[in-house]
Amino acid sequence: MWNVRQDPAAAIIYDLGGAVAVDSSSNEIELICGLEMSRAQSMLIREYKESDLDALRRLHAAQGFNYPFPDLSSPLFISKLVFEDDSGAPAMAVLLRLTAETYLLHDARAGTPRDRWQRFLVMHEATRRDAAARGLDDAQAFLPPPVARAFGRRLERLGWRRDPWPCFTRKVDAA
């Protein structure tokens, strides 16, 4: 029903009757959702190459979203997959960049609010320096709704910004 093969550039070719996933340990295909197509379609998904850069810049610009094109040479980009069209040109790319999710654990009864804030400021700066030393570009903090407004204002004073884009999360180990 489907054909899957590794090409010399480690691309995976799918002949699809539906959207699929490949288990890299066994190269087996798993149907993950239906995809209506009028004809069998061959799709090439491969690793990003430097020669794709201009095409990806054009795709980014055509979307019209107001964010800078990412630095794809950064080692924080741990996955860069490109979907080729029938002519071999990139038609889509999905890029995964490492970031850090921040967790704050503290005893809300220890000391005065001022003491707790002073401890937090010291920890904040130590953590910022540690993250930078480890090569991270940014960190995210997901605030519980009961503290988001007040604590969010404090974070903003420390250089954090409220992201206007909604965040979606997905476990990657489950289909």
Foldseek 3Di string as FASTA:
>chain_A
DWDWDQDPQRKIKIFDQADWDADVVVRDIDHDGGDHDPDTDIKIKGFDDPVLVVVVVVVVVVVVDPDDDDDPVQPQFPGWMFIADPVRHGPDIDTGGDEAEDDDDDDPPPDDPVVVVVVVVVVVVVVVVVCVVVPHDYYHYDDDVVCCPVVVVVVVVVPDDDDPDDDDDDDPVDD
